[in-house]
Amino acid sequence: MNDFLRLKGKTILVTGIANRKSVAYHIARQLQECGAHVLCAVRSERRREQVGKWFDSEDIFVCDVLHPEQIDALASDVKEQVPRIDGLVHSIAFADYRDGAAAFHEVSKRDFLNALDVSCYSLISLSRAFQPLLADDASVVTISISTTRMAAENYGIMGPAKAALDSSLAFLSKSFSRFSRVRFNAVGPGLLKTSASAGIPGYVDSYLYAEQVIPRKQAVATEEAAAVAVFLLSPRSSGIVAQTVVVDAGMSINYFDQAIVGRVVGGE
């Protein structure tokens, strides 16, 4: 096996696998292909049964990050199985869209803080709980988005939540630098075809629009975003710290594509 990424024999904990469309699922699969030992953390026992069909059931743990005691229990359970972990994948996010794409100024405090708790603070909580288990040069990777500066109405509170997540990378990297070389980075994919994304109001239309704006006329594949995460988990990316690596297939360079502008201005 070609071990260019130097991941063979490394132990990586991957959180957030929901189904085979998940970014976390593809990260775990690609890590296994690189010879890494993959541990999985899922939200519920029901999900554990499902994920157990794809991965070794002994390596799957249950943890709902809304409950601090479950995060502590996860760290304890993992410690009983392995002496250390070389990487941690945070692929957890949630926003309540039960009322559809409400105007941003109408978002409730409860929904806003819940999105921040699950999507951002959980990274901090997991990092703190696993700090004693992380190898000195471990890599922590989270899943963000390609930009938090585009106010897509349907995305709502997840934009600020991901912005907070991106900002936390710098502060976590600096904080951990006091006693280790652990680094924190993010993958920022463009629009992906995942089950979680399907719950966002109007997402399908946005996805189809993205495919027109992207120069290659094809949206980012989940496997492409996962591959960048695997690279960031590897020692080969040791010089990358506190960064969000955008994986948008060039969408951000092509918003004013002549053909699209022509259709809008020309009324075609």
C-alpha atoms as a PDB file:
ATOM      1  CA  MET A   1       0.000   0.000   0.000  1.00  0.00           C
ATOM      2  CA  ASN A   2       1.334   3.432  -0.959  1.00  0.00           C
ATOM      3  CA  ASP A   3       1.613   5.418   2.283  1.00  0.00           C
ATOM      4  CA  PHE A   4       2.384   8.836   0.823  1.00  0.00           C
ATOM      5  CA  LEU A   5       0.081  10.510   3.364  1.00  0.00           C
ATOM      6  CA  ARG A   6       1.769   8.626   6.223  1.00  0.00           C
ATOM      7  CA  LEU A   7      -1.580   7.630   7.710  1.00  0.00           C
ATOM      8  CA  LYS A   8      -0.942   3.902   7.924  1.00  0.00           C
ATOM      9  CA  GLY A   9      -1.310   2.778  11.537  1.00  0.00           C
ATOM     10  CA  LYS A  10      -2.675   6.142  12.682  1.00  0.00           C
ATOM     11  CA  THR A  11      -5.793   6.154  14.856  1.00  0.00           C
ATOM     12  CA  ILE A  12      -8.451   8.684  13.878  1.00  0.00           C
ATOM     13  CA  LEU A  13     -11.786   9.376  15.569  1.00  0.00           C
ATOM     14  CA  VAL A  14     -14.508  10.407  13.112  1.00  0.00           C
ATOM     15  CA  THR A  15     -17.700  11.970  14.456  1.00  0.00           C
ATOM     16  CA  GLY A  16     -20.923  12.713  12.626  1.00  0.00           C
ATOM     17  CA  ILE A  17     -21.510   9.734  10.350  1.00  0.00           C
ATOM     18  CA  ALA A  18     -25.231   9.687   9.595  1.00  0.00           C
ATOM     19  CA  ASN A  19     -25.416   7.710   6.345  1.00  0.00           C
ATOM     20  CA  ARG A  20     -23.359   6.846   3.292  1.00  0.00           C
ATOM     21  CA  LYS A  21     -23.888  10.319   1.837  1.00  0.00           C
ATOM     22  CA  SER A  22     -22.233  11.969   4.839  1.00  0.00           C
ATOM     23  CA  VAL A  23     -18.902  13.723   4.461  1.00  0.00           C
ATOM     24  CA  ALA A  24     -17.837  11.876   7.612  1.00  0.00           C
ATOM     25  CA  TYR A  25     -18.634   8.503   6.011  1.00  0.00           C
ATOM     26  CA  HIS A  26     -16.410   9.233   3.024  1.00  0.00           C
ATOM     27  CA  ILE A  27     -13.624  10.515   5.278  1.00  0.00           C
ATOM     28  CA  ALA A  28     -13.741   7.313   7.312  1.00  0.00           C
ATOM     29  CA  ARG A  29     -13.692   5.151   4.192  1.00  0.00           C
ATOM     30  CA  GLN A  30     -10.761   7.000   2.670  1.00  0.00           C
ATOM     31  CA  LEU A  31      -8.855   6.829   5.958  1.00  0.00           C
ATOM     32  CA  GLN A  32      -9.313   3.077   5.987  1.00  0.00           C
ATOM     33  CA  GLU A  33      -8.001   2.895   2.430  1.00  0.00           C
ATOM     34  CA  CYS A  34      -4.891   4.686   3.712  1.00  0.00           C
ATOM     35  CA  GLY A  35      -4.413   2.036   6.386  1.00  0.00           C
ATOM     36  CA  ALA A  36      -5.614   4.096   9.335  1.00  0.00           C
ATOM     37  CA  HIS A  37      -7.512   2.676  12.300  1.00  0.00           C
ATOM     38  CA  VAL A  38     -10.851   4.475  12.284  1.00  0.00           C
ATOM     39  CA  LEU A  39     -13.028   4.959  15.344  1.00  0.00           C
ATOM     40  CA  CYS A  40     -16.527   6.350  14.856  1.00  0.00           C
ATOM     41  CA  ALA A  41     -18.775   8.358  17.144  1.00  0.00           C
ATOM     42  CA  VAL A  42     -22.469   8.614  16.254  1.00  0.00           C
ATOM     43  CA  ARG A  43     -25.407  10.362  17.855  1.00  0.00           C
ATOM     44  CA  SER A  44     -27.653   7.457  18.874  1.00  0.00           C
ATOM     45  CA  GLU A  45     -27.859   3.699  19.352  1.00  0.00           C
ATOM     46  CA  ARG A  46     -30.090   3.464  16.309  1.00  0.00           C
ATOM     47  CA  ARG A  47     -27.438   5.162  14.204  1.00  0.00           C
ATOM     48  CA  ARG A  48     -24.805   2.929  15.739  1.00  0.00           C
ATOM     49  CA  GLU A  49     -26.635  -0.120  14.430  1.00  0.00           C
ATOM     50  CA  GLN A  50     -26.775   1.390  10.965  1.00  0.00           C
ATOM     51  CA  VAL A  51     -23.140   2.484  10.876  1.00  0.00           C
ATOM     52  CA  GLY A  52     -22.151  -0.904  12.263  1.00  0.00           C
ATOM     53  CA  LYS A  53     -23.097  -2.382   8.887  1.00  0.00           C
ATOM     54  CA  TRP A  54     -20.258  -0.421   7.259  1.00  0.00           C
ATOM     55  CA  PHE A  55     -17.608  -0.343   9.971  1.00  0.00           C
ATOM     56  CA  ASP A  56     -16.388  -2.619  12.764  1.00  0.00           C
ATOM     57  CA  SER A  57     -19.063  -2.367  15.456  1.00  0.00           C
ATOM     58  CA  GLU A  58     -16.425  -2.518  18.201  1.00  0.00           C
ATOM     59  CA  ASP A  59     -15.042   0.789  16.951  1.00  0.00           C
ATOM     60  CA  ILE A  60     -18.355   2.670  17.088  1.00  0.00           C
ATOM     61  CA  PHE A  61     -19.317   4.797  20.081  1.00  0.00           C
ATOM     62  CA  VAL A  62     -22.446   6.782  20.903  1.00  0.00           C
ATOM     63  CA  CYS A  63     -22.304  10.449  21.854  1.00  0.00           C
ATOM     64  CA  ASP A  64     -24.871  13.231  21.623  1.00  0.00           C
ATOM     65  CA  VAL A  65     -22.763  16.398  21.848  1.00  0.00           C
ATOM     66  CA  LEU A  66     -25.657  18.324  23.409  1.00  0.00           C
ATOM     67  CA  HIS A  67     -24.912  16.420  26.622  1.00  0.00           C
ATOM     68  CA  PRO A  68     -21.480  17.218  28.155  1.00  0.00           C
ATOM     69  CA  GLU A  69     -21.503  14.026  30.194  1.00  0.00           C
ATOM     70  CA  GLN A  70     -21.734  11.991  26.990  1.00  0.00           C
ATOM     71  CA  ILE A  71     -18.679  13.769  25.563  1.00  0.00           C
ATOM     72  CA  ASP A  72     -16.723  12.924  28.720  1.00  0.00           C
ATOM     73  CA  ALA A  73     -17.965   9.336  28.557  1.00  0.00           C
ATOM     74  CA  LEU A  74     -16.892   9.105  24.914  1.00  0.00           C
ATOM     75  CA  ALA A  75     -13.362  10.205  25.774  1.00  0.00           C
ATOM     76  CA  SER A  76     -13.263   7.674  28.599  1.00  0.00           C
ATOM     77  CA  ASP A  77     -14.541   4.838  26.408  1.00  0.00           C
ATOM     78  CA  VAL A  78     -12.055   5.619  23.653  1.00  0.00           C
ATOM     79  CA  LYS A  79      -9.222   5.726  26.190  1.00  0.00           C
ATOM     80  CA  GLU A  80     -10.093   2.198  27.292  1.00  0.00           C
ATOM     81  CA  GLN A  81      -9.619   0.994  23.727  1.00  0.00           C
ATOM     82  CA  VAL A  82      -6.618   2.990  22.447  1.00  0.00           C
ATOM     83  CA  PRO A  83      -3.726   4.766  24.220  1.00  0.00           C
ATOM     84  CA  ARG A  84      -3.910   7.810  21.973  1.00  0.00           C
ATOM     85  CA  ILE A  85      -5.511   9.212  18.835  1.00  0.00           C
ATOM     86  CA  ASP A  86      -3.675  10.921  16.006  1.00  0.00           C
ATOM     87  CA  GLY A  87      -6.611  12.798  14.602  1.00  0.00           C
ATOM     88  CA  LEU A  88     -10.161  13.928  15.261  1.00  0.00           C
ATOM     89  CA  VAL A  89     -12.833  14.707  12.689  1.00  0.00           C
ATOM     90  CA  HIS A  90     -15.660  17.021  13.742  1.00  0.00           C
ATOM     91  CA  SER A  91     -18.453  16.669  11.197  1.00  0.00           C
ATOM     92  CA  ILE A  92     -21.392  17.838  13.283  1.00  0.00           C
ATOM     93  CA  ALA A  93     -23.845  20.629  12.527  1.00  0.00           C
ATOM     94  CA  PHE A  94     -27.508  21.377  13.072  1.00  0.00           C
ATOM     95  CA  ALA A  95     -29.998  24.183  12.535  1.00  0.00           C
ATOM     96  CA  ASP A  96     -33.745  24.011  13.022  1.00  0.00           C
ATOM     97  CA  TYR A  97     -35.552  24.829   9.783  1.00  0.00           C
ATOM     98  CA  ARG A  98     -38.975  23.773  10.987  1.00  0.00           C
ATOM     99  CA  ASP A  99     -40.371  27.214  10.143  1.00  0.00           C
ATOM    100  CA  GLY A 100     -38.733  27.293   6.730  1.00  0.00           C
ATOM    101  CA  ALA A 101     -36.361  30.010   5.595  1.00  0.00           C
ATOM    102  CA  ALA A 102     -37.449  32.755   7.992  1.00  0.00           C
ATOM    103  CA  ALA A 103     -35.985  36.242   7.695  1.00  0.00           C
ATOM    104  CA  PHE A 104     -32.727  36.319   9.636  1.00  0.00           C
ATOM    105  CA  HIS A 105     -33.843  39.063  12.027  1.00  0.00           C
ATOM    106  CA  GLU A 106     -36.786  36.868  13.043  1.00  0.00           C
ATOM    107  CA  VAL A 107     -34.631  33.949  14.211  1.00  0.00           C
ATOM    108  CA  SER A 108     -35.311  33.028  17.808  1.00  0.00           C
ATOM    109  CA  LYS A 109     -32.594  33.164  20.448  1.00  0.00           C
ATOM    110  CA  ARG A 110     -33.184  29.491  21.202  1.00  0.00           C
ATOM    111  CA  ASP A 111     -32.650  28.376  17.615  1.00  0.00           C
ATOM    112  CA  PHE A 112     -29.605  30.605  17.168  1.00  0.00           C
ATOM    113  CA  LEU A 113     -27.872  29.385  20.328  1.00  0.00           C
ATOM    114  CA  ASN A 114     -28.774  25.764  19.572  1.00  0.00           C
ATOM    115  CA  ALA A 115     -27.123  26.028  16.150  1.00  0.00           C
ATOM    116  CA  LEU A 116     -24.000  27.509  17.755  1.00  0.00           C
ATOM    117  CA  ASP A 117     -23.947  24.839  20.448  1.00  0.00           C
ATOM    118  CA  VAL A 118     -24.165  21.882  18.087  1.00  0.00           C
ATOM    119  CA  SER A 119     -22.243  23.299  15.133  1.00  0.00           C
ATOM    120  CA  CYS A 120     -19.427  25.178  16.876  1.00  0.00           C
ATOM    121  CA  TYR A 121     -19.171  24.693  20.628  1.00  0.00           C
ATOM    122  CA  SER A 122     -19.189  20.918  20.202  1.00  0.00           C
ATOM    123  CA  LEU A 123     -15.774  21.213  18.531  1.00  0.00           C
ATOM    124  CA  ILE A 124     -14.429  23.019  21.579  1.00  0.00           C
ATOM    125  CA  SER A 125     -16.007  20.493  23.948  1.00  0.00           C
ATOM    126  CA  LEU A 126     -14.657  17.493  22.055  1.00  0.00           C
ATOM    127  CA  SER A 127     -11.198  19.023  21.807  1.00  0.00           C
ATOM    128  CA  ARG A 128     -11.101  19.692  25.536  1.00  0.00           C
ATOM    129  CA  ALA A 129     -12.293  16.201  26.425  1.00  0.00           C
ATOM    130  CA  PHE A 130      -9.812  14.507  24.100  1.00  0.00           C
ATOM    131  CA  GLN A 131      -6.844  16.760  24.850  1.00  0.00           C
ATOM    132  CA  PRO A 132      -5.150  14.140  27.084  1.00  0.00           C
ATOM    133  CA  LEU A 133      -5.583  11.500  24.356  1.00  0.00           C
ATOM    134  CA  LEU A 134      -4.414  13.541  21.383  1.00  0.00           C
ATOM    135  CA  ALA A 135      -0.920  12.817  20.116  1.00  0.00           C
ATOM    136  CA  ASP A 136       1.465  15.761  20.381  1.00  0.00           C
ATOM    137  CA  ASP A 137       1.230  16.351  16.622  1.00  0.00           C
ATOM    138  CA  ALA A 138      -2.401  15.348  16.173  1.00  0.00           C
ATOM    139  CA  SER A 139      -4.638  16.989  13.582  1.00  0.00           C
ATOM    140  CA  VAL A 140      -8.205  18.106  14.266  1.00  0.00           C
ATOM    141  CA  VAL A 141     -10.382  18.753  11.215  1.00  0.00           C
ATOM    142  CA  THR A 142     -13.890  20.156  11.106  1.00  0.00           C
ATOM    143  CA  ILE A 143     -16.329  20.612   8.228  1.00  0.00           C
ATOM    144  CA  SER A 144     -17.272  24.202   7.474  1.00  0.00           C
ATOM    145  CA  ILE A 145     -18.598  25.867   4.298  1.00  0.00           C
ATOM    146  CA  SER A 146     -16.932  27.618   1.373  1.00  0.00           C
ATOM    147  CA  THR A 147     -17.936  31.122   2.505  1.00  0.00           C
ATOM    148  CA  THR A 148     -19.664  32.685   5.488  1.00  0.00           C
ATOM    149  CA  ARG A 149     -19.856  36.085   3.792  1.00  0.00           C
ATOM    150  CA  MET A 150     -22.620  35.245   1.336  1.00  0.00           C
ATOM    151  CA  ALA A 151     -26.024  35.887   2.854  1.00  0.00           C
ATOM    152  CA  ALA A 152     -28.052  33.077   1.297  1.00  0.00           C
ATOM    153  CA  GLU A 153     -31.487  33.548   2.807  1.00  0.00           C
ATOM    154  CA  ASN A 154     -32.279  29.857   3.016  1.00  0.00           C
ATOM    155  CA  TYR A 155     -29.078  29.045   4.934  1.00  0.00           C
ATOM    156  CA  GLY A 156     -29.985  31.432   7.741  1.00  0.00           C
ATOM    157  CA  ILE A 157     -28.371  30.919  11.127  1.00  0.00           C
ATOM    158  CA  MET A 158     -25.944  28.272   9.877  1.00  0.00           C
ATOM    159  CA  GLY A 159     -23.875  31.019   8.230  1.00  0.00           C
ATOM    160  CA  PRO A 160     -22.963  32.755  11.526  1.00  0.00           C
ATOM    161  CA  ALA A 161     -22.581  29.366  13.215  1.00  0.00           C
ATOM    162  CA  LYS A 162     -20.012  28.286  10.631  1.00  0.00           C
ATOM    163  CA  ALA A 163     -18.298  31.682  10.900  1.00  0.00           C
ATOM    164  CA  ALA A 164     -17.890  31.071  14.620  1.00  0.00           C
ATOM    165  CA  LEU A 165     -16.570  27.594  13.835  1.00  0.00           C
ATOM    166  CA  ASP A 166     -13.978  29.032  11.434  1.00  0.00           C
ATOM    167  CA  SER A 167     -12.865  31.617  13.988  1.00  0.00           C
ATOM    168  CA  SER A 168     -12.509  28.996  16.716  1.00  0.00           C
ATOM    169  CA  LEU A 169      -9.781  27.271  14.680  1.00  0.00           C
ATOM    170  CA  ALA A 170      -7.314  30.076  15.402  1.00  0.00           C
ATOM    171  CA  PHE A 171      -8.111  30.215  19.084  1.00  0.00           C
ATOM    172  CA  LEU A 172      -7.981  26.454  19.557  1.00  0.00           C
ATOM    173  CA  SER A 173      -4.679  26.225  17.685  1.00  0.00           C
ATOM    174  CA  LYS A 174      -3.201  28.990  19.844  1.00  0.00           C
ATOM    175  CA  SER A 175      -4.573  27.515  23.054  1.00  0.00           C
ATOM    176  CA  PHE A 176      -3.258  24.016  22.335  1.00  0.00           C
ATOM    177  CA  SER A 177       0.131  25.411  21.260  1.00  0.00           C
ATOM    178  CA  ARG A 178       0.937  26.012  24.933  1.00  0.00           C
ATOM    179  CA  PHE A 179       1.542  22.301  25.439  1.00  0.00           C
ATOM    180  CA  SER A 180       1.473  20.577  22.037  1.00  0.00           C
ATOM    181  CA  ARG A 181       1.683  20.875  18.264  1.00  0.00           C
ATOM    182  CA  VAL A 182      -1.943  19.878  17.767  1.00  0.00           C
ATOM    183  CA  ARG A 183      -3.410  21.849  14.896  1.00  0.00           C
ATOM    184  CA  PHE A 184      -6.950  22.711  13.904  1.00  0.00           C
ATOM    185  CA  ASN A 185      -8.209  23.193  10.356  1.00  0.00           C
ATOM    186  CA  ALA A 186     -11.422  23.021   8.370  1.00  0.00           C
ATOM    187  CA  VAL A 187     -12.621  21.902   4.987  1.00  0.00           C
ATOM    188  CA  GLY A 188     -14.978  24.416   3.401  1.00  0.00           C
ATOM    189  CA  PRO A 189     -16.944  22.616   0.680  1.00  0.00           C
ATOM    190  CA  GLY A 190     -19.258  24.227  -1.793  1.00  0.00           C
ATOM    191  CA  LEU A 191     -22.771  22.826  -2.087  1.00  0.00           C
ATOM    192  CA  LEU A 192     -22.834  19.055  -1.577  1.00  0.00           C
ATOM    193  CA  LYS A 193     -25.460  16.429  -2.260  1.00  0.00           C
ATOM    194  CA  THR A 194     -25.947  15.148   1.291  1.00  0.00           C
ATOM    195  CA  SER A 195     -28.992  14.141   3.307  1.00  0.00           C
ATOM    196  CA  ALA A 196     -28.355  16.917   5.818  1.00  0.00           C
ATOM    197  CA  SER A 197     -28.303  19.537   3.072  1.00  0.00           C
ATOM    198  CA  ALA A 198     -31.612  18.263   1.724  1.00  0.00           C
ATOM    199  CA  GLY A 199     -33.279  19.558   4.901  1.00  0.00           C
ATOM    200  CA  ILE A 200     -32.365  23.163   4.093  1.00  0.00           C
ATOM    201  CA  PRO A 201     -35.263  25.037   2.431  1.00  0.00           C
ATOM    202  CA  GLY A 202     -34.574  25.745  -1.229  1.00  0.00           C
ATOM    203  CA  TYR A 203     -31.290  23.844  -1.189  1.00  0.00           C
ATOM    204  CA  VAL A 204     -31.961  21.858  -4.347  1.00  0.00           C
ATOM    205  CA  ASP A 205     -32.426  25.054  -6.366  1.00  0.00           C
ATOM    206  CA  SER A 206     -29.211  26.479  -4.925  1.00  0.00           C
ATOM    207  CA  TYR A 207     -27.389  23.251  -5.779  1.00  0.00           C
ATOM    208  CA  LEU A 208     -28.613  23.358  -9.375  1.00  0.00           C
ATOM    209  CA  TYR A 209     -27.577  27.006  -9.633  1.00  0.00           C
ATOM    210  CA  ALA A 210     -24.118  26.136  -8.275  1.00  0.00           C
ATOM    211  CA  GLU A 211     -23.667  23.574 -11.006  1.00  0.00           C
ATOM    212  CA  GLN A 212     -24.227  26.330 -13.573  1.00  0.00           C
ATOM    213  CA  VAL A 213     -21.792  28.760 -11.932  1.00  0.00           C
ATOM    214  CA  ILE A 214     -18.997  26.219 -11.387  1.00  0.00           C
ATOM    215  CA  PRO A 215     -16.695  26.355 -14.447  1.00  0.00           C
ATOM    216  CA  ARG A 216     -16.762  22.584 -14.932  1.00  0.00           C
ATOM    217  CA  LYS A 217     -20.599  22.582 -14.689  1.00  0.00           C
ATOM    218  CA  GLN A 218     -20.493  19.905 -12.002  1.00  0.00           C
ATOM    219  CA  ALA A 219     -20.916  20.430  -8.273  1.00  0.00           C
ATOM    220  CA  VAL A 220     -18.327  19.373  -5.732  1.00  0.00           C
ATOM    221  CA  ALA A 221     -18.538  15.660  -4.965  1.00  0.00           C
ATOM    222  CA  THR A 222     -18.629  14.638  -1.324  1.00  0.00           C
ATOM    223  CA  GLU A 223     -15.630  12.414  -1.973  1.00  0.00           C
ATOM    224  CA  GLU A 224     -13.637  15.478  -3.079  1.00  0.00           C
ATOM    225  CA  ALA A 225     -14.309  17.300   0.178  1.00  0.00           C
ATOM    226  CA  ALA A 226     -13.486  14.138   2.128  1.00  0.00           C
ATOM    227  CA  ALA A 227     -10.162  13.768   0.325  1.00  0.00           C
ATOM    228  CA  VAL A 228      -9.080  17.231   1.444  1.00  0.00           C
ATOM    229  CA  ALA A 229     -10.044  16.369   5.020  1.00  0.00           C
ATOM    230  CA  VAL A 230      -7.916  13.223   4.840  1.00  0.00           C
ATOM    231  CA  PHE A 231      -4.972  15.291   3.600  1.00  0.00           C
ATOM    232  CA  LEU A 232      -5.413  17.739   6.489  1.00  0.00           C
ATOM    233  CA  LEU A 233      -5.419  14.809   8.910  1.00  0.00           C
ATOM    234  CA  SER A 234      -2.131  13.571   7.508  1.00  0.00           C
ATOM    235  CA  PRO A 235       1.398  14.595   8.537  1.00  0.00           C
ATOM    236  CA  ARG A 236       1.851  15.834   4.969  1.00  0.00           C
ATOM    237  CA  SER A 237      -0.224  18.915   5.859  1.00  0.00           C
ATOM    238  CA  SER A 238       1.753  19.737   9.008  1.00  0.00           C
ATOM    239  CA  GLY A 239       2.397  23.315   7.879  1.00  0.00           C
ATOM    240  CA  ILE A 240      -1.301  24.145   7.578  1.00  0.00           C
ATOM    241  CA  VAL A 241      -2.696  25.567  10.819  1.00  0.00           C
ATOM    242  CA  ALA A 242      -5.959  27.371  11.630  1.00  0.00           C
ATOM    243  CA  GLN A 243      -7.111  27.481   8.003  1.00  0.00           C
ATOM    244  CA  THR A 244     -10.348  26.752   6.181  1.00  0.00           C
ATOM    245  CA  VAL A 245      -9.440  25.076   2.895  1.00  0.00           C
ATOM    246  CA  VAL A 246     -12.125  25.933   0.360  1.00  0.00           C
ATOM    247  CA  VAL A 247     -13.259  23.118  -1.938  1.00  0.00           C
ATOM    248  CA  ASP A 248     -15.768  24.725  -4.298  1.00  0.00           C
ATOM    249  CA  ALA A 249     -14.502  23.593  -7.744  1.00  0.00           C
ATOM    250  CA  GLY A 250     -13.958  27.232  -8.676  1.00  0.00           C
ATOM    251  CA  MET A 251     -17.471  28.503  -7.980  1.00  0.00           C
ATOM    252  CA  SER A 252     -16.146  31.615  -6.219  1.00  0.00           C
ATOM    253  CA  ILE A 253     -14.296  32.785  -9.332  1.00  0.00           C
ATOM    254  CA  ASN A 254     -17.265  32.528 -11.664  1.00  0.00           C
ATOM    255  CA  TYR A 255     -20.256  34.348 -10.187  1.00  0.00           C
ATOM    256  CA  PHE A 256     -20.339  36.686 -13.207  1.00  0.00           C
ATOM    257  CA  ASP A 257     -20.213  33.993 -15.847  1.00  0.00           C
ATOM    258  CA  GLN A 258     -21.168  35.627 -19.136  1.00  0.00           C
ATOM    259  CA  ALA A 259     -23.770  33.018 -20.049  1.00  0.00           C
ATOM    260  CA  ILE A 260     -25.553  33.310 -16.700  1.00  0.00           C
ATOM    261  CA  VAL A 261     -25.465  37.113 -16.708  1.00  0.00           C
ATOM    262  CA  GLY A 262     -26.835  37.052 -20.219  1.00  0.00           C
ATOM    263  CA  ARG A 263     -29.778  34.886 -19.218  1.00  0.00           C
ATOM    264  CA  VAL A 264     -30.644  37.160 -16.308  1.00  0.00           C
ATOM    265  CA  VAL A 265     -30.210  40.518 -18.053  1.00  0.00           C
ATOM    266  CA  GLY A 266     -31.607  39.271 -21.331  1.00  0.00           C
ATOM    267  CA  GLY A 267     -34.595  37.697 -19.588  1.00  0.00           C
ATOM    268  CA  GLU A 268     -34.039  34.363 -21.264  1.00  0.00           C
END
